[in-house]
Structure formats: C-alpha cells, structure tokens
C-alpha cells in the first residue's frame, strides 16, 4: 500500500466522491492507522486524481 496526500479541492469532484463511497462500503472510515483505504489499484487512483487536479 502507498500513502497519498490529495488537495481538499478534489473532495467535491463526483469521481472522487464515488471512490470515497466505495471505500466506505468496503472498509468503513475507521482505520487504526489514520488513513482511508481506497479499493482500486494505485495506477487507477493516480489516473483519477491527476485528471481531477487539472480541472
């Protein structure tokens, strides 16, 4: 697993909100390590977030 820091502005983007919704359904938001687990590959996550960052 890899840790990413994302801009707060991405939180309003529908694609990122969908990732968060899937993460909540699959893992919940309580993680003892303090992060969120996003259920997709690193490559997909980077592609989605880098595309949103350009908006």
Protein backbone atom coordinates (compact mmCIF):
# COMPACT_ATOMS: atom_id res chain seq x y z
CA UNK A 1 0.00 0.00 0.00
CA UNK A 2 1.04 3.54 -0.66
CA UNK A 3 0.04 6.74 1.11
CA UNK A 4 -1.14 9.79 -0.88
CA UNK A 5 -1.91 13.34 0.14
CA UNK A 6 -4.57 14.95 -2.04
CA UNK A 7 -5.79 18.54 -2.34
CA UNK A 8 -9.01 19.28 -0.45
CA UNK A 9 -10.48 20.60 -3.71
CA UNK A 10 -10.76 17.01 -5.00
CA UNK A 11 -13.30 16.15 -2.31
CA UNK A 12 -16.04 17.95 -4.27
CA UNK A 13 -15.39 16.07 -7.50
CA UNK A 14 -18.01 13.37 -8.33
CA UNK A 15 -15.37 10.80 -9.39
CA UNK A 16 -13.51 11.17 -6.11
CA UNK A 17 -16.75 11.11 -4.11
CA UNK A 18 -17.58 7.81 -5.81
CA UNK A 19 -14.22 6.38 -4.71
CA UNK A 20 -14.93 7.51 -1.15
CA UNK A 21 -18.38 5.95 -1.23
CA UNK A 22 -16.95 2.62 -2.42
CA UNK A 23 -14.23 2.82 0.25
CA UNK A 24 -16.82 3.43 2.96
CA UNK A 25 -18.96 0.47 1.82
CA UNK A 26 -16.00 -1.88 1.61
CA UNK A 27 -13.80 -0.82 4.53
CA UNK A 28 -15.62 1.83 6.56
CA UNK A 29 -13.90 5.02 7.66
CA UNK A 30 -12.39 3.71 10.92
CA UNK A 31 -8.78 2.84 10.25
CA UNK A 32 -6.39 2.42 13.19
CA UNK A 33 -3.54 3.77 11.04
CA UNK A 34 -5.43 7.02 10.41
CA UNK A 35 -5.87 6.76 6.64
CA UNK A 36 -8.53 5.69 4.19
CA UNK A 37 -8.22 2.56 2.12
CA UNK A 38 -9.38 3.19 -1.44
CA UNK A 39 -10.36 -0.08 -3.18
CA UNK A 40 -8.61 0.37 -6.52
CA UNK A 41 -5.14 -0.05 -7.90
CA UNK A 42 -2.53 2.64 -7.41
CA UNK A 43 -2.50 3.26 -11.17
CA UNK A 44 -6.26 3.89 -11.29
CA UNK A 45 -6.11 6.17 -8.25
CA UNK A 46 -3.29 8.24 -9.75
CA UNK A 47 -5.10 8.48 -13.10
CA UNK A 48 -8.33 9.64 -11.46
CA UNK A 49 -6.75 12.15 -9.09
CA UNK A 50 -4.32 13.58 -11.63
CA UNK A 51 -7.18 14.08 -14.10
CA UNK A 52 -9.31 15.81 -11.47
CA UNK A 53 -6.46 18.01 -10.32
CA UNK A 54 -6.34 19.59 -13.79
CA UNK A 55 -10.00 20.68 -13.63
